[in-house]
């Protein structure tokens, strides 16, 4: 049976008990969108991937980290970060704090052979005011790292190629990853019988571009709302189930489909049980 979930304009769900990969023990965590608070801002935020060291002939360690700093403490802070290697999920980091302004996430990731690593983080804060008025603040950050492990040269890493050899490696790794993801996404698109010509396709790892650029047919204020609600739906339906598994599962980058007519978006992915899922989110009117 096809599984389709409709995300309403304002999603409401209770707290969850989440186990995190590579970070901490279980803790209570929530992530909900509320109207954006224009009186509070992040003083800085970011996500980074850095090569640390080579541990064996074909193995190495990468430092995966993110941070976000607010200009004052707020009722609830939570950041969540996803890491993919060659399109496949490697880990999830998330931290939840009350009456806090800063969040830092960090993990050491062990890798093998040449790979393309991509990470995206959603930074979030919840603010409570008198008369049960609740607002939120949000931001996105991302990073990528190419690691080249060749028998003909020393281990190296880069985010942007600076010479011919690195450009060739980047093209090779991108081509292999894109081929795998296209095959995976095509299965989802065919399964849910989605007309491809009616949507713009954006991998989840690339939606950070809407931090400053509006989604087509929307203005920036509407875009911020859609992105906040998108992350709420992804957190509830994708991140929490995967994080609750004791063992990593085979999961690839979800595909976000933006309706060209400006009515809705969809998210396609496989859940922790390997079942195909489709989230549908209506745009604000």
C-alpha atoms as a PDB file:
ATOM      1  CA  UNK A   1       0.000   0.000   0.000  1.00  0.00           C
ATOM      2  CA  UNK A   2       1.272   3.428  -0.903  1.00  0.00           C
ATOM      3  CA  UNK A   3       1.959   5.578   2.139  1.00  0.00           C
ATOM      4  CA  UNK A   4       1.057   9.259   1.737  1.00  0.00           C
ATOM      5  CA  UNK A   5       1.115  11.786   4.562  1.00  0.00           C
ATOM      6  CA  UNK A   6      -0.357  15.268   4.234  1.00  0.00           C
ATOM      7  CA  UNK A   7       1.431  17.981   6.224  1.00  0.00           C
ATOM      8  CA  UNK A   8      -1.030  20.714   7.182  1.00  0.00           C
ATOM      9  CA  UNK A   9      -0.120  24.398   7.162  1.00  0.00           C
ATOM     10  CA  UNK A  10       0.665  24.263  10.885  1.00  0.00           C
ATOM     11  CA  UNK A  11       1.812  20.832  12.019  1.00  0.00           C
ATOM     12  CA  UNK A  12       1.163  19.800  15.617  1.00  0.00           C
ATOM     13  CA  UNK A  13       2.762  16.799  17.275  1.00  0.00           C
ATOM     14  CA  UNK A  14       3.969  15.871  20.727  1.00  0.00           C
ATOM     15  CA  UNK A  15       7.467  15.311  22.072  1.00  0.00           C
ATOM     16  CA  UNK A  16       9.426  12.243  21.019  1.00  0.00           C
ATOM     17  CA  UNK A  17      12.075  10.016  22.558  1.00  0.00           C
ATOM     18  CA  UNK A  18      15.020   9.996  20.142  1.00  0.00           C
ATOM     19  CA  UNK A  19      18.224   7.996  20.002  1.00  0.00           C
ATOM     20  CA  UNK A  20      20.960   9.833  18.148  1.00  0.00           C
ATOM     21  CA  UNK A  21      23.611   8.341  15.936  1.00  0.00           C
ATOM     22  CA  UNK A  22      27.197   9.210  16.870  1.00  0.00           C
ATOM     23  CA  UNK A  23      26.305  11.682  19.611  1.00  0.00           C
ATOM     24  CA  UNK A  24      24.381  11.255  22.827  1.00  0.00           C
ATOM     25  CA  UNK A  25      21.995   9.067  24.781  1.00  0.00           C
ATOM     26  CA  UNK A  26      18.270   9.324  24.298  1.00  0.00           C
ATOM     27  CA  UNK A  27      16.688  12.670  25.135  1.00  0.00           C
ATOM     28  CA  UNK A  28      13.347  14.394  24.743  1.00  0.00           C
ATOM     29  CA  UNK A  29      13.258  16.519  21.612  1.00  0.00           C
ATOM     30  CA  UNK A  30      10.750  18.472  19.568  1.00  0.00           C
ATOM     31  CA  UNK A  31      10.937  20.625  16.473  1.00  0.00           C
ATOM     32  CA  UNK A  32       7.917  22.753  15.574  1.00  0.00           C
ATOM     33  CA  UNK A  33       7.372  25.683  13.280  1.00  0.00           C
ATOM     34  CA  UNK A  34       5.778  28.866  14.609  1.00  0.00           C
ATOM     35  CA  UNK A  35       5.622  32.341  13.025  1.00  0.00           C
ATOM     36  CA  UNK A  36       9.114  33.792  12.628  1.00  0.00           C
ATOM     37  CA  UNK A  37      10.231  36.171  15.391  1.00  0.00           C
ATOM     38  CA  UNK A  38      11.848  39.217  13.816  1.00  0.00           C
ATOM     39  CA  UNK A  39      13.174  40.533  17.160  1.00  0.00           C
ATOM     40  CA  UNK A  40      15.690  37.700  17.661  1.00  0.00           C
ATOM     41  CA  UNK A  41      18.519  36.699  15.357  1.00  0.00           C
ATOM     42  CA  UNK A  42      21.392  34.272  15.071  1.00  0.00           C
ATOM     43  CA  UNK A  43      24.702  36.037  15.626  1.00  0.00           C
ATOM     44  CA  UNK A  44      26.433  33.195  13.787  1.00  0.00           C
ATOM     45  CA  UNK A  45      25.831  29.636  12.616  1.00  0.00           C
ATOM     46  CA  UNK A  46      27.489  27.088  10.370  1.00  0.00           C
ATOM     47  CA  UNK A  47      28.258  23.478   9.493  1.00  0.00           C
ATOM     48  CA  UNK A  48      31.701  22.075   8.723  1.00  0.00           C
ATOM     49  CA  UNK A  49      33.379  18.908   7.455  1.00  0.00           C
ATOM     50  CA  UNK A  50      37.122  18.643   7.980  1.00  0.00           C
ATOM     51  CA  UNK A  51      39.603  15.868   7.320  1.00  0.00           C
ATOM     52  CA  UNK A  52      41.408  14.923  10.535  1.00  0.00           C
ATOM     53  CA  UNK A  53      43.804  12.113   9.826  1.00  0.00           C
ATOM     54  CA  UNK A  54      44.486   8.953   7.875  1.00  0.00           C
ATOM     55  CA  UNK A  55      44.007   5.926  10.115  1.00  0.00           C
ATOM     56  CA  UNK A  56      45.004   3.140   7.724  1.00  0.00           C
ATOM     57  CA  UNK A  57      45.961   2.634   4.115  1.00  0.00           C
ATOM     58  CA  UNK A  58      42.377   3.158   2.881  1.00  0.00           C
ATOM     59  CA  UNK A  59      40.731   4.643   5.985  1.00  0.00           C
ATOM     60  CA  UNK A  60      40.477   8.082   7.566  1.00  0.00           C
ATOM     61  CA  UNK A  61      38.576  10.190  10.109  1.00  0.00           C
ATOM     62  CA  UNK A  62      36.449  13.273   9.382  1.00  0.00           C
ATOM     63  CA  UNK A  63      35.294  15.866  11.906  1.00  0.00           C
ATOM     64  CA  UNK A  64      31.616  16.713  11.406  1.00  0.00           C
ATOM     65  CA  UNK A  65      30.407  19.723  13.374  1.00  0.00           C
ATOM     66  CA  UNK A  66      27.848  22.515  13.471  1.00  0.00           C
ATOM     67  CA  UNK A  67      27.128  25.495  15.699  1.00  0.00           C
ATOM     68  CA  UNK A  68      24.520  28.227  16.098  1.00  0.00           C
ATOM     69  CA  UNK A  69      24.609  31.249  18.402  1.00  0.00           C
ATOM     70  CA  UNK A  70      21.625  33.448  19.288  1.00  0.00           C
ATOM     71  CA  UNK A  71      21.810  36.945  20.706  1.00  0.00           C
ATOM     72  CA  UNK A  72      19.898  35.843  23.824  1.00  0.00           C
ATOM     73  CA  UNK A  73      18.611  32.655  25.505  1.00  0.00           C
ATOM     74  CA  UNK A  74      15.236  31.371  24.331  1.00  0.00           C
ATOM     75  CA  UNK A  75      12.688  28.901  25.662  1.00  0.00           C
ATOM     76  CA  UNK A  76      13.847  26.009  23.477  1.00  0.00           C
ATOM     77  CA  UNK A  77      16.817  25.460  21.184  1.00  0.00           C
ATOM     78  CA  UNK A  78      17.330  22.520  18.864  1.00  0.00           C
ATOM     79  CA  UNK A  79      19.614  21.836  15.916  1.00  0.00           C
ATOM     80  CA  UNK A  80      19.562  18.737  13.729  1.00  0.00           C
ATOM     81  CA  UNK A  81      22.208  17.778  11.169  1.00  0.00           C
ATOM     82  CA  UNK A  82      22.229  15.062   8.485  1.00  0.00           C
ATOM     83  CA  UNK A  83      25.352  13.583   6.886  1.00  0.00           C
ATOM     84  CA  UNK A  84      25.434  11.700   3.577  1.00  0.00           C
ATOM     85  CA  UNK A  85      28.299   9.918   1.833  1.00  0.00           C
ATOM     86  CA  UNK A  86      27.889   9.372  -1.912  1.00  0.00           C
ATOM     87  CA  UNK A  87      24.153  10.008  -1.454  1.00  0.00           C
ATOM     88  CA  UNK A  88      23.685   7.522   1.367  1.00  0.00           C
ATOM     89  CA  UNK A  89      22.851   8.518   4.953  1.00  0.00           C
ATOM     90  CA  UNK A  90      25.794   8.152   7.326  1.00  0.00           C
ATOM     91  CA  UNK A  91      24.484   9.786  10.459  1.00  0.00           C
ATOM     92  CA  UNK A  92      22.177  12.145  12.320  1.00  0.00           C
ATOM     93  CA  UNK A  93      23.156  14.642  14.997  1.00  0.00           C
ATOM     94  CA  UNK A  94      20.611  16.472  17.117  1.00  0.00           C
ATOM     95  CA  UNK A  95      20.678  18.378  20.385  1.00  0.00           C
ATOM     96  CA  UNK A  96      17.830  19.871  22.406  1.00  0.00           C
ATOM     97  CA  UNK A  97      18.171  22.445  25.210  1.00  0.00           C
ATOM     98  CA  UNK A  98      15.800  24.575  27.295  1.00  0.00           C
ATOM     99  CA  UNK A  99      16.501  28.227  28.154  1.00  0.00           C
ATOM    100  CA  UNK A 100      19.603  28.247  25.991  1.00  0.00           C
ATOM    101  CA  UNK A 101      20.994  30.398  23.208  1.00  0.00           C
ATOM    102  CA  UNK A 102      23.851  28.304  21.762  1.00  0.00           C
ATOM    103  CA  UNK A 103      24.016  24.805  20.303  1.00  0.00           C
ATOM    104  CA  UNK A 104      27.109  22.869  19.234  1.00  0.00           C
ATOM    105  CA  UNK A 105      27.124  19.464  17.531  1.00  0.00           C
ATOM    106  CA  UNK A 106      30.187  17.373  16.800  1.00  0.00           C
ATOM    107  CA  UNK A 107      31.116  13.837  15.783  1.00  0.00           C
ATOM    108  CA  UNK A 108      34.071  11.948  14.355  1.00  0.00           C
ATOM    109  CA  UNK A 109      33.171   9.970  11.242  1.00  0.00           C
ATOM    110  CA  UNK A 110      35.233   7.056   9.980  1.00  0.00           C
ATOM    111  CA  UNK A 111      35.485   6.748   6.199  1.00  0.00           C
ATOM    112  CA  UNK A 112      36.994   4.447   3.604  1.00  0.00           C
ATOM    113  CA  UNK A 113      38.104   5.029   0.009  1.00  0.00           C
ATOM    114  CA  UNK A 114      37.245   8.043  -2.128  1.00  0.00           C
ATOM    115  CA  UNK A 115      33.881   9.627  -1.290  1.00  0.00           C
ATOM    116  CA  UNK A 116      31.792  12.782  -1.516  1.00  0.00           C
ATOM    117  CA  UNK A 117      30.378  13.863   1.859  1.00  0.00           C
ATOM    118  CA  UNK A 118      27.444  16.282   2.189  1.00  0.00           C
ATOM    119  CA  UNK A 119      25.859  17.634   5.349  1.00  0.00           C
ATOM    120  CA  UNK A 120      22.945  19.981   5.989  1.00  0.00           C
ATOM    121  CA  UNK A 121      21.818  21.409   9.338  1.00  0.00           C
ATOM    122  CA  UNK A 122      18.591  23.028  10.469  1.00  0.00           C
ATOM    123  CA  UNK A 123      19.075  25.493  13.333  1.00  0.00           C
ATOM    124  CA  UNK A 124      15.931  26.226  15.332  1.00  0.00           C
ATOM    125  CA  UNK A 125      14.701  28.159  18.339  1.00  0.00           C
ATOM    126  CA  UNK A 126      11.309  28.456  20.032  1.00  0.00           C
ATOM    127  CA  UNK A 127      10.285  31.610  21.938  1.00  0.00           C
ATOM    128  CA  UNK A 128       7.373  31.860  24.387  1.00  0.00           C
ATOM    129  CA  UNK A 129       5.616  35.114  25.230  1.00  0.00           C
ATOM    130  CA  UNK A 130       2.687  36.076  27.502  1.00  0.00           C
ATOM    131  CA  UNK A 131      -0.855  35.048  26.476  1.00  0.00           C
ATOM    132  CA  UNK A 132       0.468  31.759  25.047  1.00  0.00           C
ATOM    133  CA  UNK A 133       2.091  33.511  22.115  1.00  0.00           C
ATOM    134  CA  UNK A 134       4.801  31.350  20.534  1.00  0.00           C
ATOM    135  CA  UNK A 135       7.241  32.283  17.796  1.00  0.00           C
ATOM    136  CA  UNK A 136      10.307  30.618  16.295  1.00  0.00           C
ATOM    137  CA  UNK A 137      13.615  31.395  14.639  1.00  0.00           C
ATOM    138  CA  UNK A 138      15.380  29.249  12.062  1.00  0.00           C
ATOM    139  CA  UNK A 139      18.356  29.001   9.732  1.00  0.00           C
ATOM    140  CA  UNK A 140      20.076  26.414   7.526  1.00  0.00           C
ATOM    141  CA  UNK A 141      23.735  25.721   6.877  1.00  0.00           C
ATOM    142  CA  UNK A 142      25.597  23.085   4.890  1.00  0.00           C
ATOM    143  CA  UNK A 143      29.003  21.858   3.807  1.00  0.00           C
ATOM    144  CA  UNK A 144      30.571  19.235   1.586  1.00  0.00           C
ATOM    145  CA  UNK A 145      33.908  17.467   1.389  1.00  0.00           C
ATOM    146  CA  UNK A 146      35.523  15.362  -1.320  1.00  0.00           C
ATOM    147  CA  UNK A 147      38.030  12.807  -0.030  1.00  0.00           C
ATOM    148  CA  UNK A 148      40.408  11.332  -2.601  1.00  0.00           C
ATOM    149  CA  UNK A 149      42.099   8.079  -1.654  1.00  0.00           C
ATOM    150  CA  UNK A 150      44.207   7.078  -4.646  1.00  0.00           C
ATOM    151  CA  UNK A 151      47.015   4.488  -4.743  1.00  0.00           C
ATOM    152  CA  UNK A 152      48.959   6.930  -6.921  1.00  0.00           C
ATOM    153  CA  UNK A 153      48.946   9.933  -4.581  1.00  0.00           C
ATOM    154  CA  UNK A 154      48.699  10.960  -0.952  1.00  0.00           C
ATOM    155  CA  UNK A 155      45.287  11.152   0.731  1.00  0.00           C
ATOM    156  CA  UNK A 156      43.718  14.573   0.098  1.00  0.00           C
ATOM    157  CA  UNK A 157      40.448  16.409   0.652  1.00  0.00           C
ATOM    158  CA  UNK A 158      38.765  19.560  -0.697  1.00  0.00           C
ATOM    159  CA  UNK A 159      35.379  21.251  -0.887  1.00  0.00           C
ATOM    160  CA  UNK A 160      36.067  22.998  -4.200  1.00  0.00           C
ATOM    161  CA  UNK A 161      38.600  21.613  -6.722  1.00  0.00           C
ATOM    162  CA  UNK A 162      41.679  23.756  -7.304  1.00  0.00           C
ATOM    163  CA  UNK A 163      43.521  21.744  -9.958  1.00  0.00           C
ATOM    164  CA  UNK A 164      42.843  19.433 -12.897  1.00  0.00           C
ATOM    165  CA  UNK A 165      43.207  16.207 -10.889  1.00  0.00           C
ATOM    166  CA  UNK A 166      40.712  17.366  -8.270  1.00  0.00           C
ATOM    167  CA  UNK A 167      38.258  18.441 -10.964  1.00  0.00           C
ATOM    168  CA  UNK A 168      38.464  14.993 -12.557  1.00  0.00           C
ATOM    169  CA  UNK A 169      37.898  13.288  -9.209  1.00  0.00           C
ATOM    170  CA  UNK A 170      34.963  15.567  -8.436  1.00  0.00           C
ATOM    171  CA  UNK A 171      33.347  14.782 -11.785  1.00  0.00           C
ATOM    172  CA  UNK A 172      33.866  11.051 -11.260  1.00  0.00           C
ATOM    173  CA  UNK A 173      32.387  11.015  -7.749  1.00  0.00           C
ATOM    174  CA  UNK A 174      29.492  13.308  -8.711  1.00  0.00           C
ATOM    175  CA  UNK A 175      28.651  11.166 -11.715  1.00  0.00           C
ATOM    176  CA  UNK A 176      28.583   7.951  -9.647  1.00  0.00           C
ATOM    177  CA  UNK A 177      26.492   9.522  -6.867  1.00  0.00           C
ATOM    178  CA  UNK A 178      24.043  11.193  -9.245  1.00  0.00           C
ATOM    179  CA  UNK A 179      23.558   7.977 -11.190  1.00  0.00           C
ATOM    180  CA  UNK A 180      22.703   6.092  -8.003  1.00  0.00           C
ATOM    181  CA  UNK A 181      20.386   8.804  -6.701  1.00  0.00           C
ATOM    182  CA  UNK A 182      18.584   9.209 -10.015  1.00  0.00           C
ATOM    183  CA  UNK A 183      17.861   5.475 -10.064  1.00  0.00           C
ATOM    184  CA  UNK A 184      16.614   5.593  -6.461  1.00  0.00           C
ATOM    185  CA  UNK A 185      14.465   8.702  -7.016  1.00  0.00           C
ATOM    186  CA  UNK A 186      13.034   7.328 -10.260  1.00  0.00           C
ATOM    187  CA  UNK A 187      11.688   4.330  -8.374  1.00  0.00           C
ATOM    188  CA  UNK A 188       9.924   6.644  -5.917  1.00  0.00           C
ATOM    189  CA  UNK A 189       8.532   8.893  -8.667  1.00  0.00           C
ATOM    190  CA  UNK A 190       7.189   5.919 -10.625  1.00  0.00           C
ATOM    191  CA  UNK A 191       5.770   4.272  -7.496  1.00  0.00           C
ATOM    192  CA  UNK A 192       3.701   7.337  -6.603  1.00  0.00           C
ATOM    193  CA  UNK A 193       2.891   8.035 -10.276  1.00  0.00           C
ATOM    194  CA  UNK A 194       4.092  11.632 -10.132  1.00  0.00           C
ATOM    195  CA  UNK A 195       4.048  13.684 -13.382  1.00  0.00           C
ATOM    196  CA  UNK A 196       7.655  14.857 -13.597  1.00  0.00           C
ATOM    197  CA  UNK A 197       6.934  17.887 -15.768  1.00  0.00           C
ATOM    198  CA  UNK A 198       4.842  19.517 -13.021  1.00  0.00           C
ATOM    199  CA  UNK A 199       7.602  19.699 -10.396  1.00  0.00           C
ATOM    200  CA  UNK A 200      11.054  21.097  -9.810  1.00  0.00           C
ATOM    201  CA  UNK A 201      13.283  18.479  -8.164  1.00  0.00           C
ATOM    202  CA  UNK A 202      15.691  19.497  -5.379  1.00  0.00           C
ATOM    203  CA  UNK A 203      17.674  17.067  -3.179  1.00  0.00           C
ATOM    204  CA  UNK A 204      17.227  17.713   0.543  1.00  0.00           C
ATOM    205  CA  UNK A 205      20.955  18.480   0.762  1.00  0.00           C
ATOM    206  CA  UNK A 206      20.436  21.454  -1.597  1.00  0.00           C
ATOM    207  CA  UNK A 207      17.457  23.211   0.002  1.00  0.00           C
ATOM    208  CA  UNK A 208      19.786  25.537   1.908  1.00  0.00           C
ATOM    209  CA  UNK A 209      19.680  27.747  -1.198  1.00  0.00           C
ATOM    210  CA  UNK A 210      16.228  28.890  -0.101  1.00  0.00           C
ATOM    211  CA  UNK A 211      17.754  30.558   2.935  1.00  0.00           C
ATOM    212  CA  UNK A 212      18.143  33.735   0.879  1.00  0.00           C
ATOM    213  CA  UNK A 213      16.344  32.905  -2.381  1.00  0.00           C
ATOM    214  CA  UNK A 214      12.547  32.471  -2.523  1.00  0.00           C
ATOM    215  CA  UNK A 215      10.968  29.266  -3.731  1.00  0.00           C
ATOM    216  CA  UNK A 216       9.524  29.877  -7.220  1.00  0.00           C
ATOM    217  CA  UNK A 217       6.004  31.415  -7.025  1.00  0.00           C
ATOM    218  CA  UNK A 218       6.549  32.423  -3.349  1.00  0.00           C
ATOM    219  CA  UNK A 219       8.067  35.454  -1.645  1.00  0.00           C
ATOM    220  CA  UNK A 220      10.792  35.127   0.995  1.00  0.00           C
ATOM    221  CA  UNK A 221       8.380  35.354   3.937  1.00  0.00           C
ATOM    222  CA  UNK A 222       6.255  32.550   2.496  1.00  0.00           C
ATOM    223  CA  UNK A 223       9.402  30.582   1.692  1.00  0.00           C
ATOM    224  CA  UNK A 224      10.622  30.808   5.289  1.00  0.00           C
ATOM    225  CA  UNK A 225       7.296  29.440   6.474  1.00  0.00           C
ATOM    226  CA  UNK A 226       7.314  26.600   3.945  1.00  0.00           C
ATOM    227  CA  UNK A 227      10.901  25.649   4.810  1.00  0.00           C
ATOM    228  CA  UNK A 228      10.167  25.676   8.551  1.00  0.00           C
ATOM    229  CA  UNK A 229       7.140  23.435   8.076  1.00  0.00           C
ATOM    230  CA  UNK A 230       9.117  21.240   5.680  1.00  0.00           C
ATOM    231  CA  UNK A 231      11.767  20.573   8.331  1.00  0.00           C
ATOM    232  CA  UNK A 232       9.052  19.869  10.898  1.00  0.00           C
ATOM    233  CA  UNK A 233       7.579  17.217   8.640  1.00  0.00           C
ATOM    234  CA  UNK A 234      10.988  15.726   7.773  1.00  0.00           C
ATOM    235  CA  UNK A 235      11.928  15.640  11.441  1.00  0.00           C
ATOM    236  CA  UNK A 236       8.751  13.831  12.465  1.00  0.00           C
ATOM    237  CA  UNK A 237       8.478  11.386   9.565  1.00  0.00           C
ATOM    238  CA  UNK A 238      12.081  10.808   8.453  1.00  0.00           C
ATOM    239  CA  UNK A 239      14.618  11.793  11.110  1.00  0.00           C
ATOM    240  CA  UNK A 240      12.917  10.469  14.240  1.00  0.00           C
ATOM    241  CA  UNK A 241      12.121   6.989  12.842  1.00  0.00           C
ATOM    242  CA  UNK A 242      15.654   6.602  11.464  1.00  0.00           C
ATOM    243  CA  UNK A 243      17.274   7.887  14.665  1.00  0.00           C
ATOM    244  CA  UNK A 244      15.204   5.475  16.752  1.00  0.00           C
ATOM    245  CA  UNK A 245      16.814   2.500  15.021  1.00  0.00           C
ATOM    246  CA  UNK A 246      19.718   0.983  16.914  1.00  0.00           C
ATOM    247  CA  UNK A 247      21.526   0.243  13.670  1.00  0.00           C
ATOM    248  CA  UNK A 248      22.013   2.531  10.635  1.00  0.00           C
ATOM    249  CA  UNK A 249      19.693   1.663   7.762  1.00  0.00           C
ATOM    250  CA  UNK A 250      20.017   1.986   4.013  1.00  0.00           C
ATOM    251  CA  UNK A 251      18.638   5.442   3.314  1.00  0.00           C
ATOM    252  CA  UNK A 252      19.434   7.888   0.516  1.00  0.00           C
ATOM    253  CA  UNK A 253      18.977  11.648   0.198  1.00  0.00           C
ATOM    254  CA  UNK A 254      15.239  12.466   0.168  1.00  0.00           C
ATOM    255  CA  UNK A 255      13.944  14.280  -2.905  1.00  0.00           C
ATOM    256  CA  UNK A 256      11.896  17.478  -2.507  1.00  0.00           C
ATOM    257  CA  UNK A 257       9.464  18.254  -5.342  1.00  0.00           C
ATOM    258  CA  UNK A 258       8.269  21.855  -5.662  1.00  0.00           C
ATOM    259  CA  UNK A 259       5.007  22.266  -7.555  1.00  0.00           C
ATOM    260  CA  UNK A 260       5.544  24.641 -10.493  1.00  0.00           C
ATOM    261  CA  UNK A 261       2.016  26.011 -10.063  1.00  0.00           C
ATOM    262  CA  UNK A 262       2.753  27.122  -6.500  1.00  0.00           C
ATOM    263  CA  UNK A 263       0.288  24.891  -4.683  1.00  0.00           C
ATOM    264  CA  UNK A 264       2.349  22.361  -2.750  1.00  0.00           C
ATOM    265  CA  UNK A 265       5.556  20.439  -2.332  1.00  0.00           C
ATOM    266  CA  UNK A 266       6.281  16.746  -1.842  1.00  0.00           C
ATOM    267  CA  UNK A 267       9.068  14.818  -0.153  1.00  0.00           C
ATOM    268  CA  UNK A 268       9.922  11.317  -1.352  1.00  0.00           C
ATOM    269  CA  UNK A 269      12.076   8.853   0.598  1.00  0.00           C
ATOM    270  CA  UNK A 270      12.289   5.335   1.984  1.00  0.00           C
ATOM    271  CA  UNK A 271      11.686   4.891   5.713  1.00  0.00           C
ATOM    272  CA  UNK A 272      13.608   2.835   8.258  1.00  0.00           C
ATOM    273  CA  UNK A 273      11.790  -0.313   7.066  1.00  0.00           C
ATOM    274  CA  UNK A 274      12.588   0.270   3.406  1.00  0.00           C
ATOM    275  CA  UNK A 275       9.011   1.339   2.626  1.00  0.00           C
ATOM    276  CA  UNK A 276       8.423   4.151   0.124  1.00  0.00           C
ATOM    277  CA  UNK A 277       6.868   7.264   1.630  1.00  0.00           C
ATOM    278  CA  UNK A 278       5.473  10.521   0.274  1.00  0.00           C
ATOM    279  CA  UNK A 279       4.899  13.676   2.323  1.00  0.00           C
ATOM    280  CA  UNK A 280       2.616  16.339   0.875  1.00  0.00           C
ATOM    281  CA  UNK A 281       2.794  19.911   2.183  1.00  0.00           C
ATOM    282  CA  UNK A 282       0.386  22.631   1.072  1.00  0.00           C
ATOM    283  CA  UNK A 283       1.725  26.141   0.526  1.00  0.00           C
ATOM    284  CA  UNK A 284       0.319  29.017   2.607  1.00  0.00           C
ATOM    285  CA  UNK A 285      -2.505  30.974   0.990  1.00  0.00           C
END
